[in-house]
């Protein structure tokens, strides 16, 4: 059974067929998933979902693109929600240099404040990285993020960056791009990531794997990601599914599912 470690099933994209999406995920062998809240509306909806569905866990944090909108009371709210029994991580957080809504200095400040919060509440962090690898690694080191570790979500950097993240107690998670025919780098890195630090995800509704590239993604398609990585690593799908699920449970501190 599979654990999709990063979903946005709280997105409006799923409002018309939410139950069908969950049904297809179950049929595809997805036993558990994590829903990510990254601003006020998505955090609110994520909490509603994890309260209703036993097999879905949640994370709460503030997205770097919207860092400029975060207020002190938002961070306080995230801290309060961190005590929810099914909130198992903080994030997604990090840096995004592709979009220019939030200045870099504000993104970095919001990122550092969330790492500090995570260390206080003792939860792993989920890292969003877009065109900011060097700065993210530097901040993680400066803030001693290895104390809590977490997940490098939808990893797209090179093996040298992956090694530095692994040394800081982070898991490396792969999504749809590892299935793309021209995506040589994530394939190379996926082969090298130690089995006990490997995770799979969809990031749905984004980054749908081949052959659904460009279409709405959903949790059921994490199976395609897992099948591709199993092929790359020369192991059975069943073994890959088990080890990534065990890794997710260990990362999130889930004792029993």
Protein backbone atom coordinates (compact mmCIF):
# COMPACT_ATOMS: atom_id res chain seq x y z
CA UNK A 1 0.00 0.00 0.00
CA UNK A 2 1.19 3.50 -0.86
CA UNK A 3 1.49 6.72 1.14
CA UNK A 4 1.12 9.88 -0.98
CA UNK A 5 3.17 12.28 1.14
CA UNK A 6 2.10 15.52 -0.54
CA UNK A 7 -1.36 16.31 -1.84
CA UNK A 8 -3.51 19.39 -2.26
CA UNK A 9 -6.82 17.54 -2.24
CA UNK A 10 -8.09 20.61 -0.38
CA UNK A 11 -7.85 22.52 -3.68
CA UNK A 12 -10.94 23.72 -5.52
CA UNK A 13 -9.95 21.39 -8.38
CA UNK A 14 -11.43 18.48 -6.38
CA UNK A 15 -14.64 20.04 -5.07
CA UNK A 16 -16.87 18.37 -7.67
CA UNK A 17 -15.58 14.79 -7.40
CA UNK A 18 -13.78 14.54 -4.05
CA UNK A 19 -15.29 11.20 -3.07
CA UNK A 20 -14.52 9.69 -6.46
CA UNK A 21 -10.91 10.89 -6.17
CA UNK A 22 -10.55 9.12 -2.83
CA UNK A 23 -12.18 5.99 -4.23
CA UNK A 24 -9.77 5.87 -7.17
CA UNK A 25 -6.85 6.34 -4.79
CA UNK A 26 -7.96 3.38 -2.71
CA UNK A 27 -8.40 1.25 -5.82
CA UNK A 28 -4.85 2.17 -6.88
CA UNK A 29 -3.46 0.96 -3.56
CA UNK A 30 -3.08 4.31 -1.80
CA UNK A 31 -3.71 3.57 1.85
CA UNK A 32 -2.72 6.97 3.25
CA UNK A 33 -2.03 10.50 2.17
CA UNK A 34 -0.98 13.87 3.54
CA UNK A 35 -2.95 17.02 2.72
CA UNK A 36 -1.00 20.26 2.83
CA UNK A 37 -2.34 23.58 4.08
CA UNK A 38 -0.21 26.58 3.10
CA UNK A 39 -2.39 29.68 3.69
CA UNK A 40 -5.55 30.51 5.61
CA UNK A 41 -8.14 28.90 3.26
CA UNK A 42 -6.13 25.76 2.51
CA UNK A 43 -5.17 25.22 6.15
CA UNK A 44 -8.82 25.52 7.18
CA UNK A 45 -9.87 22.98 4.56
CA UNK A 46 -6.99 20.63 5.38
CA UNK A 47 -8.08 20.46 9.02
CA UNK A 48 -11.66 19.69 7.96
CA UNK A 49 -10.44 16.82 5.80
CA UNK A 50 -8.18 15.20 8.40
CA UNK A 51 -10.96 15.46 10.97
CA UNK A 52 -13.29 13.53 8.67
CA UNK A 53 -11.05 10.89 7.11
CA UNK A 54 -9.03 8.53 9.30
CA UNK A 55 -6.47 7.66 6.63
CA UNK A 56 -5.56 11.26 5.76
CA UNK A 57 -3.02 13.26 7.75
CA UNK A 58 -2.15 16.92 7.49
CA UNK A 59 0.58 19.53 7.52
CA UNK A 60 0.18 23.25 8.10
CA UNK A 61 2.52 26.06 7.13
CA UNK A 62 2.94 29.15 5.00
CA UNK A 63 3.94 29.03 1.33
CA UNK A 64 6.91 31.20 0.30
CA UNK A 65 5.05 32.75 -2.63
CA UNK A 66 2.58 34.19 -0.12
CA UNK A 67 5.15 35.06 2.54
CA UNK A 68 4.38 38.75 2.21
CA UNK A 69 0.81 38.07 3.37
CA UNK A 70 1.71 36.21 6.58
CA UNK A 71 0.97 38.00 9.85
CA UNK A 72 2.10 37.21 13.37
CA UNK A 73 -1.35 35.83 14.17
CA UNK A 74 -1.04 33.38 11.26
CA UNK A 75 2.12 31.90 12.71
CA UNK A 76 0.45 31.73 16.11
CA UNK A 77 -2.50 29.91 14.53
CA UNK A 78 -0.14 27.42 12.89
CA UNK A 79 1.47 26.82 16.28
CA UNK A 80 -1.92 26.15 17.84
CA UNK A 81 -2.82 23.71 15.06
CA UNK A 82 0.49 21.90 15.47
CA UNK A 83 -0.94 20.19 18.55
CA UNK A 84 -3.72 18.58 16.49
CA UNK A 85 -3.17 14.80 16.76
CA UNK A 86 -3.26 14.36 12.97
CA UNK A 87 -1.07 17.33 12.07
CA UNK A 88 2.20 15.48 11.54
CA UNK A 89 4.39 18.13 9.87
CA UNK A 90 4.78 21.86 9.29
CA UNK A 91 4.84 23.23 5.75
CA UNK A 92 5.04 23.54 3.03
CA UNK A 93 7.60 26.26 3.62
CA UNK A 94 10.77 27.35 1.89
CA UNK A 95 11.78 29.66 -0.95
CA UNK A 96 10.36 30.29 -4.41
CA UNK A 97 12.39 32.51 -6.72
CA UNK A 98 10.28 31.80 -9.80
CA UNK A 99 7.42 34.07 -8.81
CA UNK A 100 8.08 37.61 -7.58
CA UNK A 101 5.06 38.25 -5.35
CA UNK A 102 7.09 38.07 -2.12
CA UNK A 103 10.57 39.67 -1.89
CA UNK A 104 13.40 37.27 -1.12
CA UNK A 105 14.20 38.82 2.25
CA UNK A 106 10.60 38.38 3.40
CA UNK A 107 10.54 34.79 2.15
CA UNK A 108 13.71 34.03 4.07
CA UNK A 109 12.39 35.60 7.27
CA UNK A 110 9.11 33.65 7.10
CA UNK A 111 11.06 30.47 6.34
CA UNK A 112 13.36 30.94 9.34
CA UNK A 113 10.45 31.70 11.67
CA UNK A 114 8.68 28.50 10.63
CA UNK A 115 11.81 26.40 11.14
CA UNK A 116 12.12 27.89 14.62
CA UNK A 117 8.48 27.05 15.33
CA UNK A 118 8.94 23.48 14.07
CA UNK A 119 11.87 22.98 16.42
CA UNK A 120 9.79 24.23 19.33
CA UNK A 121 6.83 21.95 18.59
CA UNK A 122 9.08 19.10 17.44
CA UNK A 123 7.54 18.41 14.03
CA UNK A 124 9.33 17.70 10.73
CA UNK A 125 9.17 20.31 7.99
CA UNK A 126 8.17 20.04 4.34
CA UNK A 127 10.36 22.10 2.05
CA UNK A 128 9.21 23.88 -1.10
CA UNK A 129 12.12 24.79 -3.34
CA UNK A 130 11.87 26.54 -6.65
CA UNK A 131 15.07 27.93 -8.14
CA UNK A 132 16.50 28.51 -4.65
CA UNK A 133 18.50 25.40 -3.75
CA UNK A 134 21.65 27.09 -2.45
CA UNK A 135 19.79 29.56 -0.23
CA UNK A 136 17.50 26.85 1.15
CA UNK A 137 20.42 24.61 2.10
CA UNK A 138 22.23 27.54 3.69
CA UNK A 139 19.20 28.48 5.81
CA UNK A 140 18.57 24.88 6.85
CA UNK A 141 22.17 24.65 8.03
CA UNK A 142 22.14 28.02 9.81
CA UNK A 143 18.88 27.20 11.57
CA UNK A 144 20.04 23.72 12.62
CA UNK A 145 17.08 22.15 10.84
CA UNK A 146 18.67 18.71 11.25
CA UNK A 147 17.18 18.73 14.76
CA UNK A 148 13.79 18.01 13.24
CA UNK A 149 14.51 17.02 9.66
CA UNK A 150 11.67 16.59 7.22
CA UNK A 151 11.01 16.24 3.51
CA UNK A 152 12.53 17.83 0.43
CA UNK A 153 9.25 17.93 -1.46
CA UNK A 154 9.19 17.11 -5.17
CA UNK A 155 12.96 17.12 -5.33
CA UNK A 156 14.46 18.49 -8.56
CA UNK A 157 18.04 19.44 -7.66
CA UNK A 158 21.21 17.43 -8.24
CA UNK A 159 22.82 14.65 -6.22
CA UNK A 160 25.26 17.00 -4.49
CA UNK A 161 22.33 18.99 -3.10
CA UNK A 162 20.52 15.78 -2.19
CA UNK A 163 23.54 14.57 -0.20
CA UNK A 164 23.59 17.78 1.82
CA UNK A 165 19.88 17.40 2.57
CA UNK A 166 20.30 13.75 3.54
CA UNK A 167 23.10 14.77 5.91
CA UNK A 168 20.61 17.12 7.61
CA UNK A 169 18.11 14.36 8.35
CA UNK A 170 15.83 15.02 5.38
CA UNK A 171 13.93 12.53 3.26
CA UNK A 172 13.93 13.00 -0.52
CA UNK A 173 10.51 12.86 -2.16
CA UNK A 174 9.78 12.41 -5.85
CA UNK A 175 6.64 13.19 -7.80
CA UNK A 176 5.40 13.09 -11.37
CA UNK A 177 8.50 14.60 -13.01
CA UNK A 178 10.50 11.42 -12.30
CA UNK A 179 8.28 9.73 -14.91
CA UNK A 180 8.86 12.34 -17.62
CA UNK A 181 10.88 11.00 -20.55
CA UNK A 182 13.29 13.96 -20.63
CA UNK A 183 13.71 14.26 -16.84
CA UNK A 184 17.16 12.72 -16.52
CA UNK A 185 18.22 14.46 -13.31
CA UNK A 186 15.45 13.25 -10.96
CA UNK A 187 15.89 9.73 -12.32
CA UNK A 188 19.62 9.83 -11.58
CA UNK A 189 19.05 11.14 -8.07
CA UNK A 190 16.23 8.69 -7.30
CA UNK A 191 18.54 5.76 -8.02
CA UNK A 192 21.12 7.09 -5.55
CA UNK A 193 18.83 8.04 -2.65
CA UNK A 194 19.14 5.45 0.15
CA UNK A 195 16.08 3.24 0.46
CA UNK A 196 15.38 4.43 4.00
CA UNK A 197 15.22 8.09 2.92
CA UNK A 198 12.97 7.76 -0.13
CA UNK A 199 9.38 9.01 -0.41
CA UNK A 200 6.77 9.32 -3.16
CA UNK A 201 4.11 11.97 -3.74
CA UNK A 202 1.84 13.51 -6.32
CA UNK A 203 1.65 17.22 -5.39
CA UNK A 204 -1.81 16.90 -6.93
CA UNK A 205 -3.50 18.62 -8.68
CA UNK A 206 -0.12 19.59 -10.12
CA UNK A 207 2.68 17.67 -11.87
CA UNK A 208 0.67 14.75 -13.18
CA UNK A 209 2.95 11.85 -14.19
CA UNK A 210 3.36 10.42 -17.67
CA UNK A 211 1.13 9.62 -19.56
CA UNK A 212 -1.17 12.19 -17.93
CA UNK A 213 1.26 15.11 -18.06
CA UNK A 214 -0.58 18.42 -18.27
CA UNK A 215 -3.81 17.03 -16.86
CA UNK A 216 -5.17 17.32 -13.33
CA UNK A 217 -3.21 15.08 -11.03
CA UNK A 218 -4.74 13.04 -8.20
CA UNK A 219 -3.50 10.70 -5.43
CA UNK A 220 -4.16 7.49 -7.39
CA UNK A 221 -1.34 8.46 -9.76
CA UNK A 222 1.28 8.19 -7.03
CA UNK A 223 1.31 4.55 -8.11
CA UNK A 224 2.85 5.58 -11.44
CA UNK A 225 5.59 7.44 -9.57
CA UNK A 226 6.28 4.41 -7.37
CA UNK A 227 6.31 2.04 -10.34
CA UNK A 228 8.85 4.19 -12.18
CA UNK A 229 11.18 4.47 -9.16
CA UNK A 230 10.91 0.73 -8.53
CA UNK A 231 11.94 0.16 -12.14
CA UNK A 232 14.86 2.61 -11.83
CA UNK A 233 16.10 1.01 -8.60
CA UNK A 234 15.64 -2.54 -9.84
CA UNK A 235 13.18 -3.64 -7.16
CA UNK A 236 9.62 -4.87 -7.13
CA UNK A 237 6.76 -2.41 -6.90
CA UNK A 238 5.59 -4.15 -3.72
CA UNK A 239 8.95 -3.66 -2.01
CA UNK A 240 9.13 -0.02 -3.11
CA UNK A 241 5.59 0.62 -1.87
CA UNK A 242 6.32 -0.92 1.51
CA UNK A 243 9.60 0.86 2.12
CA UNK A 244 8.25 4.30 1.12
CA UNK A 245 5.18 3.81 3.29
CA UNK A 246 7.34 2.75 6.22
CA UNK A 247 9.55 5.78 5.61
CA UNK A 248 6.56 8.14 5.59
CA UNK A 249 5.27 6.71 8.86
CA UNK A 250 8.70 7.09 10.44
CA UNK A 251 9.13 10.63 9.13
CA UNK A 252 5.71 11.73 10.39
CA UNK A 253 5.95 9.86 13.68
CA UNK A 254 2.89 7.74 12.89
CA UNK A 255 3.09 4.70 15.12
CA UNK A 256 0.12 2.83 13.77
CA UNK A 257 -2.00 2.95 10.63
